[in-house]
Amino acid sequence: MATTTVAEARNAEPLLEPAPTLVAQVRKFLWAASGMFSTSSLSLAFLDYFTGGSSQQAATHFLAAVVAAALFGVATFLKLGPDEA
């Protein structure tokens, strides 16, 4: 079992980080939501094509995926997402 001394306890940095602002949380949510919507629309388009669904519906899903991917690209370009991405 590890023990700490008083000197080590005084030098320890606090683990608390400042809470993100509401604007930062909304920006990160919009960035993540546009990427997830693009992925789900693209998978629905391929599912419609492969299962023999209507090509009109598949085309609509594909168009939605392309538009969402473009929004995701713009959001990423403007650095609306997390810093680690």
N, C-alpha and C. Protein backbone atom coordinates (compact mmCIF):
# COMPACT_ATOMS: atom_id res chain seq x y z
N MET A 1 0.84 -1.16 0.00
CA MET A 1 0.00 0.00 0.00
C MET A 1 0.89 1.24 0.00
N ALA A 2 0.58 2.16 -0.89
CA ALA A 2 1.39 3.36 -1.01
C ALA A 2 0.94 4.41 -0.01
N THR A 3 1.91 5.09 0.56
CA THR A 3 1.59 6.16 1.49
C THR A 3 2.18 7.45 0.94
N THR A 4 1.59 8.55 1.31
CA THR A 4 2.10 9.85 0.88
C THR A 4 2.55 10.64 2.10
N THR A 5 3.53 11.45 1.87
CA THR A 5 4.02 12.30 2.95
C THR A 5 3.32 13.65 2.87
N VAL A 6 3.51 14.45 3.85
CA VAL A 6 2.89 15.77 3.88
C VAL A 6 3.45 16.63 2.75
N ALA A 7 4.72 16.50 2.44
CA ALA A 7 5.33 17.29 1.36
C ALA A 7 4.73 16.92 0.01
N GLU A 8 4.52 15.62 -0.20
CA GLU A 8 3.92 15.20 -1.46
C GLU A 8 2.48 15.69 -1.56
N ALA A 9 1.77 15.67 -0.48
CA ALA A 9 0.38 16.11 -0.48
C ALA A 9 0.28 17.61 -0.78
N ARG A 10 1.23 18.40 -0.30
CA ARG A 10 1.21 19.84 -0.56
C ARG A 10 1.53 20.15 -2.02
N ASN A 11 2.37 19.33 -2.66
CA ASN A 11 2.79 19.58 -4.03
C ASN A 11 1.81 19.02 -5.06
N ALA A 12 0.84 18.27 -4.61
CA ALA A 12 -0.11 17.68 -5.54
C ALA A 12 -0.98 18.77 -6.16
N GLU A 13 -1.17 18.67 -7.48
CA GLU A 13 -2.00 19.64 -8.17
C GLU A 13 -3.46 19.26 -7.99
N PRO A 14 -4.33 20.23 -7.94
CA PRO A 14 -5.75 19.90 -7.81
C PRO A 14 -6.26 19.19 -9.07
N LEU A 15 -7.15 18.24 -8.89
CA LEU A 15 -7.66 17.47 -10.01
C LEU A 15 -8.88 18.12 -10.66
N LEU A 16 -9.35 19.19 -10.10
CA LEU A 16 -10.53 19.84 -10.64
C LEU A 16 -10.16 20.71 -11.84
N GLU A 17 -10.97 20.59 -12.89
CA GLU A 17 -10.80 21.44 -14.06
C GLU A 17 -11.97 22.41 -14.10
N PRO A 18 -11.77 23.56 -14.69
CA PRO A 18 -12.90 24.49 -14.76
C PRO A 18 -14.02 23.90 -15.62
N ALA A 19 -15.24 24.16 -15.24
CA ALA A 19 -16.39 23.64 -15.98
C ALA A 19 -16.50 24.36 -17.32
N PRO A 20 -16.80 23.62 -18.38
CA PRO A 20 -16.94 24.27 -19.69
C PRO A 20 -18.20 25.14 -19.71
N THR A 21 -18.14 26.17 -20.50
CA THR A 21 -19.27 27.08 -20.59
C THR A 21 -20.39 26.43 -21.41
N LEU A 22 -21.57 27.01 -21.32
CA LEU A 22 -22.72 26.48 -22.06
C LEU A 22 -22.48 26.57 -23.56
N VAL A 23 -21.87 27.65 -24.00
CA VAL A 23 -21.60 27.81 -25.43
C VAL A 23 -20.63 26.73 -25.92
N ALA A 24 -19.61 26.42 -25.13
CA ALA A 24 -18.66 25.38 -25.50
C ALA A 24 -19.35 24.01 -25.55
N GLN A 25 -20.25 23.76 -24.63
CA GLN A 25 -20.96 22.49 -24.63
C GLN A 25 -21.88 22.37 -25.84
N VAL A 26 -22.56 23.46 -26.21
CA VAL A 26 -23.44 23.44 -27.37
C VAL A 26 -22.63 23.24 -28.64
N ARG A 27 -21.50 23.92 -28.76
CA ARG A 27 -20.64 23.76 -29.94
C ARG A 27 -20.16 22.33 -30.08
N LYS A 28 -19.73 21.72 -28.97
CA LYS A 28 -19.25 20.34 -29.01
C LYS A 28 -20.39 19.38 -29.35
N PHE A 29 -21.60 19.65 -28.82
CA PHE A 29 -22.75 18.80 -29.13
C PHE A 29 -23.09 18.87 -30.61
N LEU A 30 -23.13 20.08 -31.18
CA LEU A 30 -23.45 20.21 -32.60
C LEU A 30 -22.41 19.53 -33.47
N TRP A 31 -21.16 19.61 -33.09
CA TRP A 31 -20.09 18.95 -33.83
C TRP A 31 -20.28 17.43 -33.82
N ALA A 32 -20.53 16.89 -32.63
CA ALA A 32 -20.70 15.44 -32.51
C ALA A 32 -21.99 14.97 -33.18
N ALA A 33 -23.06 15.73 -33.03
CA ALA A 33 -24.35 15.34 -33.60
C ALA A 33 -24.30 15.33 -35.12
N SER A 34 -23.61 16.28 -35.72
CA SER A 34 -23.54 16.30 -37.19
C SER A 34 -22.75 15.11 -37.71
N GLY A 35 -21.71 14.71 -37.02
CA GLY A 35 -20.94 13.54 -37.43
C GLY A 35 -21.73 12.25 -37.27
N MET A 36 -22.45 12.12 -36.16
CA MET A 36 -23.25 10.91 -35.94
C MET A 36 -24.42 10.84 -36.91
N PHE A 37 -25.05 11.98 -37.22
CA PHE A 37 -26.16 11.99 -38.17
C PHE A 37 -25.67 11.61 -39.56
N SER A 38 -24.51 12.08 -39.94
CA SER A 38 -23.95 11.73 -41.24
C SER A 38 -23.70 10.23 -41.34
N THR A 39 -23.14 9.65 -40.30
CA THR A 39 -22.86 8.22 -40.31
C THR A 39 -24.14 7.40 -40.36
N SER A 40 -25.13 7.79 -39.58
CA SER A 40 -26.37 7.01 -39.56
C SER A 40 -27.14 7.17 -40.87
N SER A 41 -27.13 8.34 -41.46
CA SER A 41 -27.81 8.52 -42.75
C SER A 41 -27.14 7.72 -43.85
N LEU A 42 -25.84 7.68 -43.84
CA LEU A 42 -25.12 6.90 -44.84
C LEU A 42 -25.39 5.41 -44.68
N SER A 43 -25.42 4.94 -43.43
CA SER A 43 -25.70 3.52 -43.22
C SER A 43 -27.14 3.18 -43.62
N LEU A 44 -28.10 4.08 -43.39
CA LEU A 44 -29.47 3.84 -43.82
C LEU A 44 -29.58 3.83 -45.34
N ALA A 45 -28.82 4.67 -46.01
CA ALA A 45 -28.84 4.68 -47.47
C ALA A 45 -28.33 3.35 -48.02
N PHE A 46 -27.23 2.85 -47.50
CA PHE A 46 -26.71 1.57 -47.96
C PHE A 46 -27.65 0.43 -47.60
N LEU A 47 -28.28 0.51 -46.45
CA LEU A 47 -29.23 -0.52 -46.05
C LEU A 47 -30.43 -0.53 -47.00
N ASP A 48 -30.91 0.64 -47.41
CA ASP A 48 -32.01 0.70 -48.38
C ASP A 48 -31.61 0.12 -49.72
N TYR A 49 -30.40 0.42 -50.18
CA TYR A 49 -29.95 -0.13 -51.46
C TYR A 49 -29.79 -1.65 -51.40
N PHE A 50 -29.20 -2.17 -50.33
CA PHE A 50 -28.90 -3.60 -50.26
C PHE A 50 -30.13 -4.45 -49.96
N THR A 51 -31.11 -3.91 -49.28
CA THR A 51 -32.30 -4.70 -48.95
C THR A 51 -33.40 -4.55 -50.00
N GLY A 52 -33.18 -3.81 -51.03
CA GLY A 52 -34.17 -3.66 -52.08
C GLY A 52 -35.25 -2.67 -51.75
N GLY A 53 -34.96 -1.74 -50.85
CA GLY A 53 -35.93 -0.69 -50.52
C GLY A 53 -36.07 0.27 -51.68
N SER A 54 -36.91 1.25 -51.50
CA SER A 54 -37.13 2.20 -52.59
C SER A 54 -35.87 3.03 -52.82
N SER A 55 -35.55 3.21 -54.08
CA SER A 55 -34.34 3.98 -54.39
C SER A 55 -34.56 5.46 -54.09
N GLN A 56 -35.80 5.91 -54.09
CA GLN A 56 -36.09 7.30 -53.73
C GLN A 56 -35.72 7.55 -52.27
N GLN A 57 -36.09 6.63 -51.41
CA GLN A 57 -35.77 6.78 -49.99
C GLN A 57 -34.26 6.67 -49.76
N ALA A 58 -33.61 5.76 -50.47
CA ALA A 58 -32.16 5.61 -50.34
C ALA A 58 -31.44 6.87 -50.81
N ALA A 59 -31.95 7.47 -51.89
CA ALA A 59 -31.34 8.70 -52.39
C ALA A 59 -31.52 9.84 -51.39
N THR A 60 -32.67 9.87 -50.73
CA THR A 60 -32.91 10.91 -49.72
C THR A 60 -31.95 10.75 -48.55
N HIS A 61 -31.74 9.51 -48.13
CA HIS A 61 -30.82 9.25 -47.02
C HIS A 61 -29.39 9.60 -47.43
N PHE A 62 -29.03 9.29 -48.66
CA PHE A 62 -27.68 9.59 -49.12
C PHE A 62 -27.47 11.10 -49.19
N LEU A 63 -28.48 11.84 -49.67
CA LEU A 63 -28.36 13.30 -49.72
C LEU A 63 -28.24 13.88 -48.32
N ALA A 64 -29.01 13.34 -47.38
CA ALA A 64 -28.90 13.81 -45.99
C ALA A 64 -27.52 13.53 -45.43
N ALA A 65 -26.94 12.37 -45.79
CA ALA A 65 -25.60 12.03 -45.32
C ALA A 65 -24.56 12.99 -45.88
N VAL A 66 -24.69 13.33 -47.15
CA VAL A 66 -23.73 14.25 -47.78
C VAL A 66 -23.82 15.64 -47.15
N VAL A 67 -25.04 16.11 -46.93
CA VAL A 67 -25.22 17.44 -46.32
C VAL A 67 -24.67 17.44 -44.89
N ALA A 68 -24.96 16.38 -44.12
CA ALA A 68 -24.47 16.31 -42.75
C ALA A 68 -22.94 16.19 -42.72
N ALA A 69 -22.37 15.46 -43.67
CA ALA A 69 -20.91 15.37 -43.73
C ALA A 69 -20.29 16.72 -44.06
N ALA A 70 -20.96 17.48 -44.91
CA ALA A 70 -20.45 18.83 -45.22
C ALA A 70 -20.52 19.72 -43.99
N LEU A 71 -21.61 19.64 -43.24
CA LEU A 71 -21.71 20.42 -42.00
C LEU A 71 -20.67 19.99 -40.98
N PHE A 72 -20.42 18.68 -40.92
CA PHE A 72 -19.40 18.18 -40.01
C PHE A 72 -18.02 18.70 -40.42
N GLY A 73 -17.76 18.74 -41.73
CA GLY A 73 -16.49 19.27 -42.21
C GLY A 73 -16.33 20.75 -41.89
N VAL A 74 -17.39 21.51 -42.07
CA VAL A 74 -17.34 22.95 -41.75
C VAL A 74 -17.13 23.14 -40.25
N ALA A 75 -17.85 22.34 -39.45
CA ALA A 75 -17.70 22.46 -37.99
C ALA A 75 -16.29 22.09 -37.55
N THR A 76 -15.71 21.09 -38.18
CA THR A 76 -14.35 20.71 -37.84
C THR A 76 -13.35 21.77 -38.29
N PHE A 77 -13.58 22.32 -39.48
CA PHE A 77 -12.70 23.36 -40.01
C PHE A 77 -12.71 24.60 -39.13
N LEU A 78 -13.88 24.93 -38.58
CA LEU A 78 -14.00 26.08 -37.69
C LEU A 78 -13.61 25.76 -36.25
N LYS A 79 -13.15 24.53 -36.02
CA LYS A 79 -12.69 24.07 -34.70
C LYS A 79 -13.79 24.19 -33.64
N LEU A 80 -14.99 23.71 -33.99
CA LEU A 80 -16.08 23.71 -33.04
C LEU A 80 -16.06 22.48 -32.14
N GLY A 81 -15.32 21.46 -32.53
CA GLY A 81 -15.29 20.23 -31.77
C GLY A 81 -14.26 20.28 -30.65
N PRO A 82 -14.01 19.13 -30.05
CA PRO A 82 -13.03 19.08 -28.97
C PRO A 82 -11.62 19.31 -29.48
N ASP A 83 -10.74 19.72 -28.59
CA ASP A 83 -9.36 20.00 -29.00
C ASP A 83 -8.61 18.74 -29.40
N GLU A 84 -9.02 17.58 -28.91
CA GLU A 84 -8.30 16.34 -29.18
C GLU A 84 -8.60 15.79 -30.57
N ALA A 85 -9.64 16.27 -31.23
CA ALA A 85 -10.03 15.71 -32.52
C ALA A 85 -9.15 16.21 -33.63
